[in-house]
């Protein structure tokens, strides 16, 4: 493949990505105070968090009781942080970090 062709592909992908990210903000500028948008704005983050937790739990490979215990500890940490602080990013990072540390550094298999 030629470099100009690849550059063209990347340019088109970049513009398409930028436009799809920009379109909702441009389309919804007039209806910022609509009650439906306010409700979606309040309920979307918890819904995404539930989906992420369910996906993460469904793809776990529990090979031993140690791994089950580690999963339970990480899930408890995520739930506790989310309910007390309410920061999804912090909750996800702490839970993932705890699980990863348990598996990689402490050799829980």
N, C-alpha and C. Protein backbone atom coordinates (compact mmCIF):
# COMPACT_ATOMS: atom_id res chain seq x y z
N UNK A 1 0.84 -1.19 0.00
CA UNK A 1 0.00 0.00 0.00
C UNK A 1 0.88 1.24 0.00
N UNK A 2 0.38 2.19 -0.61
CA UNK A 2 1.10 3.45 -0.75
C UNK A 2 0.77 4.35 0.46
N UNK A 3 1.73 5.17 0.87
CA UNK A 3 1.58 6.00 2.07
C UNK A 3 0.48 7.05 1.93
N UNK A 4 0.30 7.59 0.74
CA UNK A 4 -0.75 8.59 0.53
C UNK A 4 -2.13 7.96 0.69
N UNK A 5 -2.27 6.73 0.23
CA UNK A 5 -3.55 6.03 0.38
C UNK A 5 -3.86 5.81 1.86
N UNK A 6 -2.87 5.35 2.63
CA UNK A 6 -3.06 5.15 4.06
C UNK A 6 -3.37 6.46 4.77
N UNK A 7 -2.68 7.51 4.41
CA UNK A 7 -2.94 8.82 5.00
C UNK A 7 -4.37 9.27 4.69
N UNK A 8 -4.82 9.02 3.47
CA UNK A 8 -6.20 9.35 3.10
C UNK A 8 -7.21 8.57 3.93
N UNK A 9 -6.94 7.29 4.14
CA UNK A 9 -7.84 6.47 4.96
C UNK A 9 -7.91 7.01 6.38
N UNK A 10 -6.75 7.33 6.96
CA UNK A 10 -6.72 7.87 8.32
C UNK A 10 -7.42 9.22 8.41
N UNK A 11 -7.29 10.03 7.39
CA UNK A 11 -7.95 11.33 7.37
C UNK A 11 -9.46 11.17 7.33
N UNK A 12 -9.94 10.28 6.47
CA UNK A 12 -11.40 10.05 6.38
C UNK A 12 -11.92 9.48 7.70
N UNK A 13 -11.20 8.53 8.30
CA UNK A 13 -11.63 7.96 9.57
C UNK A 13 -11.65 9.03 10.67
N UNK A 14 -10.65 9.90 10.67
CA UNK A 14 -10.60 10.96 11.68
C UNK A 14 -11.75 11.94 11.54
N UNK A 15 -12.04 12.33 10.31
CA UNK A 15 -13.16 13.26 10.07
C UNK A 15 -14.49 12.60 10.43
N UNK A 16 -14.67 11.34 10.05
CA UNK A 16 -15.92 10.64 10.37
C UNK A 16 -16.09 10.50 11.88
N UNK A 17 -15.02 10.18 12.58
CA UNK A 17 -15.09 10.05 14.04
C UNK A 17 -15.41 11.40 14.67
N UNK A 18 -14.75 12.45 14.23
CA UNK A 18 -15.00 13.78 14.77
C UNK A 18 -16.44 14.20 14.53
N UNK A 19 -16.96 13.94 13.34
CA UNK A 19 -18.34 14.33 13.03
C UNK A 19 -19.36 13.57 13.87
N UNK A 20 -19.12 12.28 14.07
CA UNK A 20 -20.08 11.52 14.88
C UNK A 20 -20.03 11.93 16.34
N UNK A 21 -18.90 12.43 16.81
CA UNK A 21 -18.81 12.93 18.19
C UNK A 21 -19.44 14.32 18.31
N UNK A 22 -19.33 15.11 17.26
CA UNK A 22 -19.82 16.49 17.28
C UNK A 22 -21.33 16.58 17.03
N UNK A 23 -21.86 15.69 16.22
CA UNK A 23 -23.26 15.76 15.80
C UNK A 23 -24.26 15.82 16.96
N UNK A 24 -24.16 14.99 18.00
CA UNK A 24 -25.16 15.09 19.09
C UNK A 24 -25.14 16.46 19.78
N UNK A 25 -23.97 17.06 19.95
CA UNK A 25 -23.90 18.36 20.61
C UNK A 25 -24.51 19.45 19.75
N UNK A 26 -24.28 19.38 18.45
CA UNK A 26 -24.85 20.38 17.56
C UNK A 26 -26.36 20.19 17.44
N UNK A 27 -26.81 18.95 17.34
CA UNK A 27 -28.24 18.67 17.15
C UNK A 27 -29.06 18.98 18.41
N UNK A 28 -28.46 18.87 19.58
CA UNK A 28 -29.22 19.04 20.81
C UNK A 28 -28.98 20.38 21.51
N UNK A 29 -28.40 21.35 20.83
CA UNK A 29 -28.12 22.64 21.48
C UNK A 29 -29.40 23.38 21.86
N UNK A 30 -30.45 23.23 21.10
CA UNK A 30 -31.69 23.97 21.37
C UNK A 30 -32.53 23.33 22.47
N UNK A 31 -32.31 22.06 22.74
CA UNK A 31 -33.17 21.38 23.72
C UNK A 31 -32.39 20.98 24.97
N UNK A 32 -31.48 21.83 25.43
CA UNK A 32 -30.68 21.52 26.61
C UNK A 32 -31.52 21.38 27.87
N UNK A 33 -32.58 22.10 27.98
CA UNK A 33 -33.38 22.08 29.21
C UNK A 33 -34.56 21.11 29.13
N UNK A 34 -34.58 20.26 28.15
CA UNK A 34 -35.67 19.31 28.01
C UNK A 34 -35.61 18.30 29.15
N UNK A 35 -36.75 17.96 29.78
CA UNK A 35 -36.75 17.04 30.92
C UNK A 35 -36.26 15.63 30.57
N UNK A 36 -36.53 15.18 29.35
CA UNK A 36 -36.08 13.85 28.95
C UNK A 36 -34.55 13.79 28.91
N UNK A 37 -33.93 14.84 28.38
CA UNK A 37 -32.46 14.88 28.35
C UNK A 37 -31.87 14.94 29.76
N UNK A 38 -32.52 15.66 30.65
CA UNK A 38 -32.04 15.72 32.04
C UNK A 38 -32.12 14.35 32.69
N UNK A 39 -33.22 13.64 32.43
CA UNK A 39 -33.38 12.30 33.02
C UNK A 39 -32.34 11.32 32.46
N UNK A 40 -32.11 11.37 31.17
CA UNK A 40 -31.11 10.50 30.55
C UNK A 40 -29.72 10.84 31.10
N UNK A 41 -29.45 12.12 31.28
CA UNK A 41 -28.17 12.55 31.83
C UNK A 41 -27.94 12.06 33.25
N UNK A 42 -29.01 11.95 34.03
CA UNK A 42 -28.88 11.44 35.40
C UNK A 42 -28.79 9.93 35.46
N UNK A 43 -29.49 9.23 34.58
CA UNK A 43 -29.56 7.77 34.70
C UNK A 43 -28.55 7.03 33.83
N UNK A 44 -27.94 7.67 32.86
CA UNK A 44 -27.01 6.98 31.98
C UNK A 44 -25.73 6.51 32.67
N UNK A 45 -25.07 7.33 33.49
CA UNK A 45 -23.85 6.83 34.14
C UNK A 45 -24.06 5.58 35.01
N UNK A 46 -25.10 5.51 35.86
CA UNK A 46 -25.30 4.27 36.61
C UNK A 46 -25.61 3.07 35.71
N UNK A 47 -26.35 3.31 34.63
CA UNK A 47 -26.65 2.20 33.72
C UNK A 47 -25.39 1.67 33.07
N UNK A 48 -24.49 2.56 32.66
CA UNK A 48 -23.23 2.13 32.05
C UNK A 48 -22.39 1.37 33.07
N UNK A 49 -22.39 1.83 34.32
CA UNK A 49 -21.63 1.15 35.37
C UNK A 49 -22.17 -0.27 35.59
N UNK A 50 -23.47 -0.43 35.62
CA UNK A 50 -24.06 -1.76 35.80
C UNK A 50 -23.69 -2.67 34.63
N UNK A 51 -23.75 -2.15 33.42
CA UNK A 51 -23.39 -2.95 32.25
C UNK A 51 -21.92 -3.38 32.32
N UNK A 52 -21.04 -2.46 32.70
CA UNK A 52 -19.62 -2.80 32.81
C UNK A 52 -19.37 -3.86 33.88
N UNK A 53 -20.01 -3.73 35.02
CA UNK A 53 -19.83 -4.71 36.09
C UNK A 53 -20.37 -6.07 35.66
N UNK A 54 -21.55 -6.10 35.05
CA UNK A 54 -22.11 -7.38 34.59
C UNK A 54 -21.23 -8.02 33.53
N UNK A 55 -20.73 -7.24 32.60
CA UNK A 55 -19.85 -7.77 31.57
C UNK A 55 -18.57 -8.31 32.19
N UNK A 56 -18.02 -7.55 33.12
CA UNK A 56 -16.80 -8.00 33.78
C UNK A 56 -16.99 -9.27 34.57
N UNK A 57 -18.11 -9.38 35.27
CA UNK A 57 -18.38 -10.58 36.06
C UNK A 57 -18.69 -11.78 35.17
N UNK A 58 -19.32 -11.55 34.05
CA UNK A 58 -19.67 -12.68 33.18
C UNK A 58 -18.45 -13.26 32.47
N UNK A 59 -17.41 -12.45 32.30
CA UNK A 59 -16.24 -12.93 31.58
C UNK A 59 -15.12 -13.40 32.51
N UNK A 60 -15.41 -13.47 33.81
CA UNK A 60 -14.39 -13.93 34.76
C UNK A 60 -14.13 -15.43 34.57
N UNK A 61 -12.89 -15.79 34.73
CA UNK A 61 -12.52 -17.20 34.70
C UNK A 61 -12.14 -17.60 36.12
N UNK A 62 -13.09 -18.14 36.84
CA UNK A 62 -12.87 -18.51 38.23
C UNK A 62 -12.39 -19.95 38.26
N UNK A 63 -11.08 -20.09 38.52
CA UNK A 63 -10.46 -21.40 38.50
C UNK A 63 -10.22 -21.96 39.89
N UNK A 64 -10.34 -21.11 40.91
CA UNK A 64 -10.10 -21.57 42.28
C UNK A 64 -10.90 -20.70 43.24
N UNK A 65 -10.93 -21.14 44.48
CA UNK A 65 -11.62 -20.36 45.51
C UNK A 65 -10.89 -19.04 45.77
N UNK A 66 -9.56 -19.04 45.61
CA UNK A 66 -8.80 -17.81 45.78
C UNK A 66 -9.23 -16.76 44.76
N UNK A 67 -9.41 -17.19 43.53
CA UNK A 67 -9.84 -16.27 42.47
C UNK A 67 -11.26 -15.77 42.74
N UNK A 68 -12.12 -16.64 43.24
CA UNK A 68 -13.48 -16.23 43.59
C UNK A 68 -13.45 -15.20 44.71
N UNK A 69 -12.61 -15.45 45.72
CA UNK A 69 -12.49 -14.50 46.83
C UNK A 69 -11.94 -13.17 46.36
N UNK A 70 -10.94 -13.20 45.49
CA UNK A 70 -10.37 -11.97 44.95
C UNK A 70 -11.41 -11.20 44.14
N UNK A 71 -12.20 -11.90 43.36
CA UNK A 71 -13.27 -11.26 42.58
C UNK A 71 -14.28 -10.61 43.51
N UNK A 72 -14.62 -11.29 44.59
CA UNK A 72 -15.59 -10.75 45.54
C UNK A 72 -15.03 -9.50 46.23
N UNK A 73 -13.75 -9.54 46.60
CA UNK A 73 -13.13 -8.37 47.24
C UNK A 73 -13.11 -7.18 46.29
N UNK A 74 -12.73 -7.41 45.03
CA UNK A 74 -12.70 -6.32 44.05
C UNK A 74 -14.10 -5.77 43.80
N UNK A 75 -15.10 -6.64 43.70
CA UNK A 75 -16.48 -6.19 43.49
C UNK A 75 -16.98 -5.40 44.69
N UNK A 76 -16.63 -5.84 45.89
CA UNK A 76 -17.02 -5.12 47.09
C UNK A 76 -16.37 -3.73 47.12
N UNK A 77 -15.11 -3.66 46.73
CA UNK A 77 -14.43 -2.36 46.69
C UNK A 77 -15.08 -1.43 45.68
N UNK A 78 -15.41 -1.95 44.50
CA UNK A 78 -16.05 -1.12 43.47
C UNK A 78 -17.41 -0.62 43.97
N UNK A 79 -18.19 -1.51 44.54
CA UNK A 79 -19.53 -1.14 45.03
C UNK A 79 -19.44 -0.11 46.15
N UNK A 80 -18.53 -0.35 47.10
CA UNK A 80 -18.38 0.57 48.23
C UNK A 80 -17.93 1.95 47.77
N UNK A 81 -16.93 1.99 46.89
CA UNK A 81 -16.46 3.28 46.40
C UNK A 81 -17.54 4.00 45.60
N UNK A 82 -18.26 3.28 44.79
CA UNK A 82 -19.28 3.91 43.96
C UNK A 82 -20.41 4.47 44.82
N UNK A 83 -20.82 3.72 45.84
CA UNK A 83 -21.91 4.20 46.69
C UNK A 83 -21.47 5.33 47.61
N UNK A 84 -20.22 5.33 48.04
CA UNK A 84 -19.77 6.37 48.97
C UNK A 84 -19.27 7.63 48.26
N UNK A 85 -18.49 7.46 47.20
CA UNK A 85 -17.90 8.62 46.52
C UNK A 85 -18.68 9.00 45.28
N UNK A 86 -19.14 8.00 44.53
CA UNK A 86 -19.93 8.27 43.33
C UNK A 86 -19.10 8.61 42.11
N UNK A 87 -17.83 8.23 42.10
CA UNK A 87 -16.97 8.50 40.95
C UNK A 87 -16.73 7.18 40.21
N UNK A 88 -17.39 6.97 39.08
CA UNK A 88 -17.26 5.69 38.38
C UNK A 88 -15.84 5.37 37.94
N UNK A 89 -15.11 6.37 37.47
CA UNK A 89 -13.75 6.12 37.01
C UNK A 89 -12.87 5.63 38.15
N UNK A 90 -12.96 6.26 39.30
CA UNK A 90 -12.19 5.84 40.46
C UNK A 90 -12.58 4.43 40.89
N UNK A 91 -13.86 4.15 40.91
CA UNK A 91 -14.34 2.82 41.31
C UNK A 91 -13.80 1.74 40.39
N UNK A 92 -13.88 1.98 39.09
CA UNK A 92 -13.42 1.00 38.11
C UNK A 92 -11.91 0.81 38.22
N UNK A 93 -11.17 1.90 38.35
CA UNK A 93 -9.71 1.80 38.44
C UNK A 93 -9.27 1.05 39.70
N UNK A 94 -9.89 1.33 40.82
CA UNK A 94 -9.52 0.65 42.07
C UNK A 94 -9.87 -0.84 42.00
N UNK A 95 -11.06 -1.16 41.52
CA UNK A 95 -11.45 -2.57 41.42
C UNK A 95 -10.56 -3.34 40.46
N UNK A 96 -10.28 -2.75 39.31
CA UNK A 96 -9.42 -3.40 38.34
C UNK A 96 -8.00 -3.54 38.88
N UNK A 97 -7.53 -2.51 39.55
CA UNK A 97 -6.20 -2.56 40.13
C UNK A 97 -6.07 -3.63 41.20
N UNK A 98 -7.07 -3.72 42.07
CA UNK A 98 -7.03 -4.75 43.11
C UNK A 98 -7.02 -6.15 42.51
N UNK A 99 -7.86 -6.37 41.52
CA UNK A 99 -7.93 -7.69 40.90
C UNK A 99 -6.62 -8.03 40.18
N UNK A 100 -6.10 -7.05 39.44
CA UNK A 100 -4.86 -7.27 38.71
C UNK A 100 -3.69 -7.53 39.65
N UNK A 101 -3.60 -6.75 40.72
CA UNK A 101 -2.54 -6.98 41.69
C UNK A 101 -2.64 -8.36 42.32
N UNK A 102 -3.85 -8.77 42.63
CA UNK A 102 -4.04 -10.09 43.22
C UNK A 102 -3.62 -11.21 42.29
N UNK A 103 -3.96 -11.07 41.02
CA UNK A 103 -3.64 -12.12 40.05
C UNK A 103 -2.16 -12.09 39.67
N UNK A 104 -1.62 -10.90 39.41
CA UNK A 104 -0.25 -10.82 38.89
C UNK A 104 0.82 -10.88 39.98
N UNK A 105 0.66 -10.08 41.01
CA UNK A 105 1.73 -9.98 42.00
C UNK A 105 1.66 -11.05 43.09
N UNK A 106 0.45 -11.42 43.49
CA UNK A 106 0.32 -12.38 44.58
C UNK A 106 0.12 -13.80 44.06
N UNK A 107 0.08 -13.96 42.77
CA UNK A 107 0.02 -15.29 42.16
C UNK A 107 -1.26 -16.06 42.41
N UNK A 108 -2.35 -15.36 42.62
CA UNK A 108 -3.63 -16.06 42.81
C UNK A 108 -4.07 -16.59 41.47
N UNK A 109 -4.18 -17.89 41.40
CA UNK A 109 -4.51 -18.52 40.11
C UNK A 109 -5.88 -19.12 40.11
